[in-house]
PDB file of N, CA and C in Angstrom:
ATOM      1  N   MET A   1       9.042  -4.065  10.737  1.00  0.00           N
ATOM      2  CA  MET A   1       8.803  -4.369   9.413  1.00  0.00           C
ATOM      3  C   MET A   1       9.361  -6.223   9.612  1.00  0.00           C
ATOM      4  N   TYR A   2       8.873  -6.347   8.198  1.00  0.00           N
ATOM      5  CA  TYR A   2       8.818  -8.103   7.776  1.00  0.00           C
ATOM      6  C   TYR A   2       9.616  -8.207   6.442  1.00  0.00           C
ATOM      7  N   VAL A   3      10.624  -9.020   6.818  1.00  0.00           N
ATOM      8  CA  VAL A   3      11.318  -9.549   5.748  1.00  0.00           C
ATOM      9  C   VAL A   3      10.767 -11.238   5.110  1.00  0.00           C
ATOM     10  N   SER A   4      10.028 -11.103   4.047  1.00  0.00           N
ATOM     11  CA  SER A   4       9.753 -12.740   3.699  1.00  0.00           C
ATOM     12  C   SER A   4      11.062 -13.345   3.215  1.00  0.00           C
ATOM     13  N   LYS A   5      10.519 -14.575   2.965  1.00  0.00           N
ATOM     14  CA  LYS A   5      11.504 -15.548   2.717  1.00  0.00           C
ATOM     15  C   LYS A   5      11.271 -15.338   0.601  1.00  0.00           C
ATOM     16  N   LEU A   6      12.595 -15.940   0.384  1.00  0.00           N
ATOM     17  CA  LEU A   6      13.256 -15.609  -0.834  1.00  0.00           C
ATOM     18  C   LEU A   6      11.910 -16.526  -2.216  1.00  0.00           C
ATOM     19  N   TYR A   7      11.621 -15.591  -2.916  1.00  0.00           N
ATOM     20  CA  TYR A   7      10.877 -16.407  -3.929  1.00  0.00           C
ATOM     21  C   TYR A   7      11.474 -15.985  -5.268  1.00  0.00           C
ATOM     22  N   ALA A   8      11.290 -17.089  -6.270  1.00  0.00           N
ATOM     23  CA  ALA A   8      12.651 -17.330  -7.354  1.00  0.00           C
ATOM     24  C   ALA A   8      10.969 -16.744  -8.453  1.00  0.00           C
ATOM     25  N   GLY A   9      11.676 -16.066  -9.399  1.00  0.00           N
ATOM     26  CA  GLY A   9      11.277 -15.618 -10.783  1.00  0.00           C
ATOM     27  C   GLY A   9      10.536 -14.021  -9.847  1.00  0.00           C
ATOM     28  N   THR A  10       9.019 -13.559 -10.932  1.00  0.00           N
ATOM     29  CA  THR A  10       8.665 -12.444 -10.776  1.00  0.00           C
ATOM     30  C   THR A  10       7.571 -12.737 -10.139  1.00  0.00           C
ATOM     31  N   VAL A  11       7.590 -12.471  -8.981  1.00  0.00           N
ATOM     32  CA  VAL A  11       6.061 -12.565  -7.680  1.00  0.00           C
ATOM     33  C   VAL A  11       5.739 -11.276  -7.576  1.00  0.00           C
ATOM     34  N   ASN A  12       4.504 -10.577  -7.684  1.00  0.00           N
ATOM     35  CA  ASN A  12       4.465  -9.203  -7.129  1.00  0.00           C
ATOM     36  C   ASN A  12       4.289  -9.382  -6.132  1.00  0.00           C
ATOM     37  N   ASP A  13       4.957  -8.104  -4.915  1.00  0.00           N
ATOM     38  CA  ASP A  13       5.030  -7.792  -3.656  1.00  0.00           C
ATOM     39  C   ASP A  13       3.079  -8.598  -2.464  1.00  0.00           C
ATOM     40  N   TYR A  14       2.442  -7.761  -3.843  1.00  0.00           N
ATOM     41  CA  TYR A  14       1.360  -8.045  -3.070  1.00  0.00           C
ATOM     42  C   TYR A  14       1.040  -9.354  -2.984  1.00  0.00           C
ATOM     43  N   ALA A  15       0.871  -9.996  -3.545  1.00  0.00           N
ATOM     44  CA  ALA A  15       0.894 -11.563  -3.774  1.00  0.00           C
ATOM     45  C   ALA A  15       1.745 -12.110  -2.533  1.00  0.00           C
ATOM     46  N   MET A  16       2.409 -11.866  -2.711  1.00  0.00           N
ATOM     47  CA  MET A  16       3.479 -12.794  -1.585  1.00  0.00           C
ATOM     48  C   MET A  16       2.939 -12.436  -0.437  1.00  0.00           C
ATOM     49  N   LEU A  17       2.463 -10.961  -0.138  1.00  0.00           N
ATOM     50  CA  LEU A  17       1.617 -10.423   1.205  1.00  0.00           C
ATOM     51  C   LEU A  17       0.663 -11.656   1.168  1.00  0.00           C
ATOM     52  N   LYS A  18       0.015 -11.635   0.211  1.00  0.00           N
ATOM     53  CA  LYS A  18      -1.405 -12.551   0.563  1.00  0.00           C
ATOM     54  C   LYS A  18      -1.302 -13.944   0.987  1.00  0.00           C
ATOM     55  N   LYS A  19       0.147 -14.429   0.351  1.00  0.00           N
ATOM     56  CA  LYS A  19      -0.098 -16.015   0.703  1.00  0.00           C
ATOM     57  C   LYS A  19       0.961 -16.462   1.912  1.00  0.00           C
ATOM     58  N   GLU A  20       1.633 -15.278   2.003  1.00  0.00           N
ATOM     59  CA  GLU A  20       2.324 -15.505   3.767  1.00  0.00           C
ATOM     60  C   GLU A  20       1.342 -14.870   4.900  1.00  0.00           C
ATOM     61  N   PHE A  21       0.327 -14.185   4.798  1.00  0.00           N
ATOM     62  CA  PHE A  21      -0.601 -13.965   5.549  1.00  0.00           C
ATOM     63  C   PHE A  21      -1.867 -13.809   5.423  1.00  0.00           C
ATOM     64  N   PRO A  22      -2.338 -14.828   5.022  1.00  0.00           N
ATOM     65  CA  PRO A  22      -3.835 -15.112   4.113  1.00  0.00           C
ATOM     66  C   PRO A  22      -5.176 -13.643   5.032  1.00  0.00           C
ATOM     67  N   PRO A  23      -5.575 -13.240   4.196  1.00  0.00           N
ATOM     68  CA  PRO A  23      -6.485 -12.279   4.396  1.00  0.00           C
ATOM     69  C   PRO A  23      -7.537 -12.444   5.506  1.00  0.00           C
ATOM     70  N   ALA A  24      -7.707 -13.732   5.700  1.00  0.00           N
ATOM     71  CA  ALA A  24      -9.361 -14.522   6.336  1.00  0.00           C
ATOM     72  C   ALA A  24      -8.477 -14.151   7.837  1.00  0.00           C
ATOM     73  N   ILE A  25      -7.532 -14.043   7.884  1.00  0.00           N
ATOM     74  CA  ILE A  25      -6.655 -13.873   9.723  1.00  0.00           C
ATOM     75  C   ILE A  25      -6.601 -12.412   9.883  1.00  0.00           C
ATOM     76  N   HIS A  26      -6.698 -11.821  10.523  1.00  0.00           N
ATOM     77  CA  HIS A  26      -7.124 -10.393  10.907  1.00  0.00           C
ATOM     78  C   HIS A  26      -5.405  -9.816  11.915  1.00  0.00           C
ATOM     79  N   TRP A  27      -4.144 -10.170  11.021  1.00  0.00           N
ATOM     80  CA  TRP A  27      -2.861  -9.793  11.150  1.00  0.00           C
ATOM     81  C   TRP A  27      -2.511  -8.756  11.922  1.00  0.00           C
ATOM     82  N   PHE A  28      -3.144  -7.587  10.848  1.00  0.00           N
ATOM     83  CA  PHE A  28      -2.772  -6.382  11.228  1.00  0.00           C
ATOM     84  C   PHE A  28      -3.799  -5.887  12.137  1.00  0.00           C
ATOM     85  N   GLU A  29      -4.856  -6.479  12.775  1.00  0.00           N
ATOM     86  CA  GLU A  29      -5.808  -5.495  13.235  1.00  0.00           C
ATOM     87  C   GLU A  29      -5.431  -4.576  14.338  1.00  0.00           C
ATOM     88  N   ASN A  30      -4.484  -4.830  15.023  1.00  0.00           N
ATOM     89  CA  ASN A  30      -3.889  -3.664  16.452  1.00  0.00           C
ATOM     90  C   ASN A  30      -2.696  -2.853  15.901  1.00  0.00           C
ATOM     91  N   LYS A  31      -2.027  -2.921  14.095  1.00  0.00           N
ATOM     92  CA  LYS A  31      -1.027  -2.134  13.943  1.00  0.00           C
ATOM     93  C   LYS A  31      -1.159  -1.330  12.658  1.00  0.00           C
ATOM     94  N   GLU A  32       0.255  -0.777  12.564  1.00  0.00           N
ATOM     95  CA  GLU A  32      -0.248   0.852  12.061  1.00  0.00           C
ATOM     96  C   GLU A  32       0.956  -0.236  11.037  1.00  0.00           C
ATOM     97  N   VAL A  33      -0.260  -0.117   9.757  1.00  0.00           N
ATOM     98  CA  VAL A  33       0.822  -1.013   8.423  1.00  0.00           C
ATOM     99  C   VAL A  33       0.913   0.638   7.354  1.00  0.00           C
ATOM    100  N   ARG A  34       2.353   0.471   7.193  1.00  0.00           N
ATOM    101  CA  ARG A  34       3.210   1.242   6.241  1.00  0.00           C
ATOM    102  C   ARG A  34       3.458   0.423   4.686  1.00  0.00           C
ATOM    103  N   VAL A  35       2.767   0.493   3.583  1.00  0.00           N
ATOM    104  CA  VAL A  35       2.838   0.292   2.730  1.00  0.00           C
ATOM    105  C   VAL A  35       3.021   0.707   1.481  1.00  0.00           C
ATOM    106  N   ASP A  36       3.655   0.091   0.150  1.00  0.00           N
ATOM    107  CA  ASP A  36       4.010   1.547  -0.760  1.00  0.00           C
ATOM    108  C   ASP A  36       2.802   1.122  -1.953  1.00  0.00           C
ATOM    109  N   LEU A  37       2.998   1.942  -2.997  1.00  0.00           N
ATOM    110  CA  LEU A  37       1.478   1.777  -4.239  1.00  0.00           C
ATOM    111  C   LEU A  37       1.367   0.380  -4.918  1.00  0.00           C
ATOM    112  N   GLY A  38       2.346  -0.395  -4.806  1.00  0.00           N
ATOM    113  CA  GLY A  38       2.215  -1.803  -4.740  1.00  0.00           C
ATOM    114  C   GLY A  38       1.132  -2.131  -4.269  1.00  0.00           C
ATOM    115  N   PHE A  39       0.546  -2.271  -3.536  1.00  0.00           N
ATOM    116  CA  PHE A  39      -0.489  -2.831  -2.507  1.00  0.00           C
ATOM    117  C   PHE A  39      -1.642  -1.719  -2.033  1.00  0.00           C
ATOM    118  N   GLN A  40      -2.300  -1.459  -3.493  1.00  0.00           N
ATOM    119  CA  GLN A  40      -3.431  -0.764  -3.418  1.00  0.00           C
ATOM    120  C   GLN A  40      -4.698  -1.541  -2.828  1.00  0.00           C
ATOM    121  N   GLY A  41      -4.632  -2.728  -2.918  1.00  0.00           N
ATOM    122  CA  GLY A  41      -5.769  -3.774  -3.085  1.00  0.00           C
ATOM    123  C   GLY A  41      -5.678  -3.520  -1.170  1.00  0.00           C
ATOM    124  N   PHE A  42      -4.741  -3.456  -0.224  1.00  0.00           N
ATOM    125  CA  PHE A  42      -4.684  -3.949   0.914  1.00  0.00           C
ATOM    126  C   PHE A  42      -5.800  -3.204   2.081  1.00  0.00           C
ATOM    127  N   ALA A  43      -6.248  -2.139   1.877  1.00  0.00           N
ATOM    128  CA  ALA A  43      -7.461  -1.725   2.748  1.00  0.00           C
ATOM    129  C   ALA A  43      -8.729  -2.402   2.645  1.00  0.00           C
ATOM    130  N   THR A  44      -8.991  -3.274   1.614  1.00  0.00           N
ATOM    131  CA  THR A  44     -10.434  -4.358   1.242  1.00  0.00           C
ATOM    132  C   THR A  44      -9.793  -5.484   1.686  1.00  0.00           C
ATOM    133  N   GLU A  45      -8.867  -6.089   1.670  1.00  0.00           N
ATOM    134  CA  GLU A  45      -9.178  -7.298   2.290  1.00  0.00           C
ATOM    135  C   GLU A  45      -8.427  -7.381   3.699  1.00  0.00           C
ATOM    136  N   TYR A  46      -7.656  -5.558   4.400  1.00  0.00           N
ATOM    137  CA  TYR A  46      -6.998  -6.472   5.809  1.00  0.00           C
ATOM    138  C   TYR A  46      -7.236  -5.333   6.464  1.00  0.00           C
ATOM    139  N   ARG A  47      -7.867  -5.919   8.033  1.00  0.00           N
ATOM    140  CA  ARG A  47      -8.202  -4.587   8.761  1.00  0.00           C
ATOM    141  C   ARG A  47      -6.717  -4.227   9.630  1.00  0.00           C
ATOM    142  N   CYS A  48      -6.768  -2.987   9.833  1.00  0.00           N
ATOM    143  CA  CYS A  48      -5.797  -2.337  10.542  1.00  0.00           C
ATOM    144  C   CYS A  48      -5.782  -1.126  11.150  1.00  0.00           C
ATOM    145  N   ARG A  49      -5.462  -0.898  12.090  1.00  0.00           N
ATOM    146  CA  ARG A  49      -5.542   0.032  13.288  1.00  0.00           C
ATOM    147  C   ARG A  49      -4.773   1.531  12.149  1.00  0.00           C
ATOM    148  N   CYS A  50      -4.471   1.650  11.642  1.00  0.00           N
ATOM    149  CA  CYS A  50      -4.000   3.116  10.872  1.00  0.00           C
ATOM    150  C   CYS A  50      -3.325   2.286   9.608  1.00  0.00           C
ATOM    151  N   LEU A  51      -4.054   2.491   8.353  1.00  0.00           N
ATOM    152  CA  LEU A  51      -2.915   2.070   6.824  1.00  0.00           C
ATOM    153  C   LEU A  51      -2.333   3.859   6.587  1.00  0.00           C
ATOM    154  N   ARG A  52      -0.859   3.385   6.155  1.00  0.00           N
ATOM    155  CA  ARG A  52      -0.289   4.192   5.914  1.00  0.00           C
ATOM    156  C   ARG A  52       0.056   4.252   3.961  1.00  0.00           C
ATOM    157  N   ILE A  53      -0.586   4.531   3.404  1.00  0.00           N
ATOM    158  CA  ILE A  53       0.017   4.481   2.042  1.00  0.00           C
ATOM    159  C   ILE A  53       0.142   5.921   1.140  1.00  0.00           C
ATOM    160  N   PRO A  54       0.877   6.261   0.107  1.00  0.00           N
ATOM    161  CA  PRO A  54       0.848   7.276  -0.729  1.00  0.00           C
ATOM    162  C   PRO A  54      -0.303   7.252  -1.002  1.00  0.00           C
ATOM    163  N   HIS A  55      -0.227   8.647  -1.282  1.00  0.00           N
ATOM    164  CA  HIS A  55      -1.174   8.846  -2.643  1.00  0.00           C
ATOM    165  C   HIS A  55      -0.875   9.038  -3.596  1.00  0.00           C
ATOM    166  N   LYS A  56      -2.181   8.882  -4.726  1.00  0.00           N
ATOM    167  CA  LYS A  56      -1.174   8.409  -6.276  1.00  0.00           C
ATOM    168  C   LYS A  56      -2.078   9.123  -7.088  1.00  0.00           C
ATOM    169  N   ARG A  57      -1.437   9.561  -8.080  1.00  0.00           N
ATOM    170  CA  ARG A  57      -1.867  10.468  -9.192  1.00  0.00           C
ATOM    171  C   ARG A  57      -2.762  10.010  -9.908  1.00  0.00           C
ATOM    172  N   LYS A  58      -3.592  10.187 -10.575  1.00  0.00           N
ATOM    173  CA  LYS A  58      -4.909   9.822 -11.079  1.00  0.00           C
ATOM    174  C   LYS A  58      -4.169   9.507 -12.789  1.00  0.00           C
ATOM    175  N   ARG A  59      -4.722   8.861 -13.066  1.00  0.00           N
ATOM    176  CA  ARG A  59      -4.753   8.941 -14.684  1.00  0.00           C
ATOM    177  C   ARG A  59      -5.749   9.984 -15.582  1.00  0.00           C
ATOM    178  N   VAL A  60      -5.231  10.711 -16.674  1.00  0.00           N
ATOM    179  CA  VAL A  60      -6.192  11.686 -17.063  1.00  0.00           C
ATOM    180  C   VAL A  60      -5.927  11.875 -19.179  1.00  0.00           C
ATOM    181  N   ALA A  61      -6.582  12.769 -18.894  1.00  0.00           N
ATOM    182  CA  ALA A  61      -6.552  12.151 -20.851  1.00  0.00           C
ATOM    183  C   ALA A  61      -5.996  13.283 -20.708  1.00  0.00           C
ATOM    184  N   LYS A  62      -4.579  13.558 -21.879  1.00  0.00           N
ATOM    185  CA  LYS A  62      -3.609  14.171 -22.438  1.00  0.00           C
ATOM    186  C   LYS A  62      -4.452  15.232 -22.407  1.00  0.00           C
ATOM    187  N   GLY A  63      -3.369  16.982 -21.755  1.00  0.00           N
ATOM    188  CA  GLY A  63      -3.787  18.048 -21.505  1.00  0.00           C
ATOM    189  C   GLY A  63      -4.477  18.484 -19.805  1.00  0.00           C
ATOM    190  N   LEU A  64      -4.853  17.148 -19.270  1.00  0.00           N
ATOM    191  CA  LEU A  64      -5.288  17.902 -18.144  1.00  0.00           C
ATOM    192  C   LEU A  64      -4.257  17.511 -16.874  1.00  0.00           C
ATOM    193  N   CYS A  65      -5.027  18.542 -15.666  1.00  0.00           N
ATOM    194  CA  CYS A  65      -3.418  17.851 -14.791  1.00  0.00           C
ATOM    195  C   CYS A  65      -4.240  16.988 -13.616  1.00  0.00           C
ATOM    196  N   ASN A  66      -2.735  15.939 -13.778  1.00  0.00           N
ATOM    197  CA  ASN A  66      -3.180  14.980 -12.822  1.00  0.00           C
ATOM    198  C   ASN A  66      -2.426  14.857 -11.445  1.00  0.00           C
ATOM    199  N   LYS A  67      -1.792  16.903 -11.379  1.00  0.00           N
ATOM    200  CA  LYS A  67      -0.807  16.798  -9.603  1.00  0.00           C
ATOM    201  C   LYS A  67      -1.380  16.489  -8.393  1.00  0.00           C
ATOM    202  N   LEU A  68      -1.094  15.840  -7.481  1.00  0.00           N
ATOM    203  CA  LEU A  68      -1.275  15.870  -6.604  1.00  0.00           C
ATOM    204  C   LEU A  68      -2.206  17.423  -5.327  1.00  0.00           C
ATOM    205  N   THR A  69      -2.533  17.537  -4.955  1.00  0.00           N
ATOM    206  CA  THR A  69      -3.183  18.334  -3.797  1.00  0.00           C
ATOM    207  C   THR A  69      -2.217  19.040  -2.837  1.00  0.00           C
ATOM    208  N   PRO A  70      -1.598  19.874  -2.702  1.00  0.00           N
ATOM    209  CA  PRO A  70      -0.599  20.071  -1.323  1.00  0.00           C
ATOM    210  C   PRO A  70      -0.673  18.925  -0.454  1.00  0.00           C
ATOM    211  N   GLU A  71      -1.746  19.034   0.310  1.00  0.00           N
ATOM    212  CA  GLU A  71      -1.672  18.261   1.047  1.00  0.00           C
ATOM    213  C   GLU A  71      -1.646  16.959   1.172  1.00  0.00           C
ATOM    214  N   GLN A  72      -2.092  16.385  -0.183  1.00  0.00           N
ATOM    215  CA  GLN A  72      -1.719  14.983  -0.630  1.00  0.00           C
ATOM    216  C   GLN A  72      -0.021  14.841   0.039  1.00  0.00           C
ATOM    217  N   VAL A  73       0.731  15.726  -1.567  1.00  0.00           N
ATOM    218  CA  VAL A  73       2.163  15.670  -1.001  1.00  0.00           C
ATOM    219  C   VAL A  73       2.461  16.064   0.340  1.00  0.00           C
ATOM    220  N   ALA A  74       2.134  16.753   1.374  1.00  0.00           N
ATOM    221  CA  ALA A  74       2.808  17.014   2.576  1.00  0.00           C
ATOM    222  C   ALA A  74       2.845  15.245   3.292  1.00  0.00           C
ATOM    223  N   TYR A  75       0.724  14.515   3.139  1.00  0.00           N
ATOM    224  CA  TYR A  75       0.759  13.074   3.742  1.00  0.00           C
ATOM    225  C   TYR A  75       2.446  12.780   3.322  1.00  0.00           C
ATOM    226  N   THR A  76       2.248  12.234   1.987  1.00  0.00           N
ATOM    227  CA  THR A  76       2.741  11.508   1.627  1.00  0.00           C
ATOM    228  C   THR A  76       4.230  11.182   1.885  1.00  0.00           C
ATOM    229  N   LYS A  77       4.990  12.717   1.685  1.00  0.00           N
ATOM    230  CA  LYS A  77       6.457  13.641   2.378  1.00  0.00           C
ATOM    231  C   LYS A  77       6.017  12.695   4.256  1.00  0.00           C
ATOM    232  N   THR A  78       5.152  13.148   4.445  1.00  0.00           N
ATOM    233  CA  THR A  78       5.156  12.728   6.179  1.00  0.00           C
ATOM    234  C   THR A  78       5.061  11.374   6.993  1.00  0.00           C
ATOM    235  N   TYR A  79       4.243  10.622   6.176  1.00  0.00           N
ATOM    236  CA  TYR A  79       3.256   9.613   6.735  1.00  0.00           C
ATOM    237  C   TYR A  79       3.707   8.299   5.498  1.00  0.00           C
ATOM    238  N   ALA A  80       3.516   8.604   4.555  1.00  0.00           N
ATOM    239  CA  ALA A  80       3.949   7.531   3.807  1.00  0.00           C
ATOM    240  C   ALA A  80       5.834   7.036   3.407  1.00  0.00           C
ATOM    241  N   ALA A  81       6.225   7.901   3.640  1.00  0.00           N
ATOM    242  CA  ALA A  81       7.636   7.445   3.081  1.00  0.00           C
ATOM    243  C   ALA A  81       8.556   6.474   3.184  1.00  0.00           C
TER     244      ALA A  81
END
């Protein structure tokens, strides 16, 4: 677990992470990382041994189903909670 320094105002969590841990350095290469849905671009900018991020329901047109599969729900409850 990492707790960052205090930031004044409204600062996005992912922006704070990128400022404190620049993506050019492989900070998490040998780590298992658990993040919430606010870190959607993490996998493209950082290398890590294992990334645990919950599944997100997709936006769909009105009247269509956007529910997660039972496997996605189980993964989110088990690994990303």
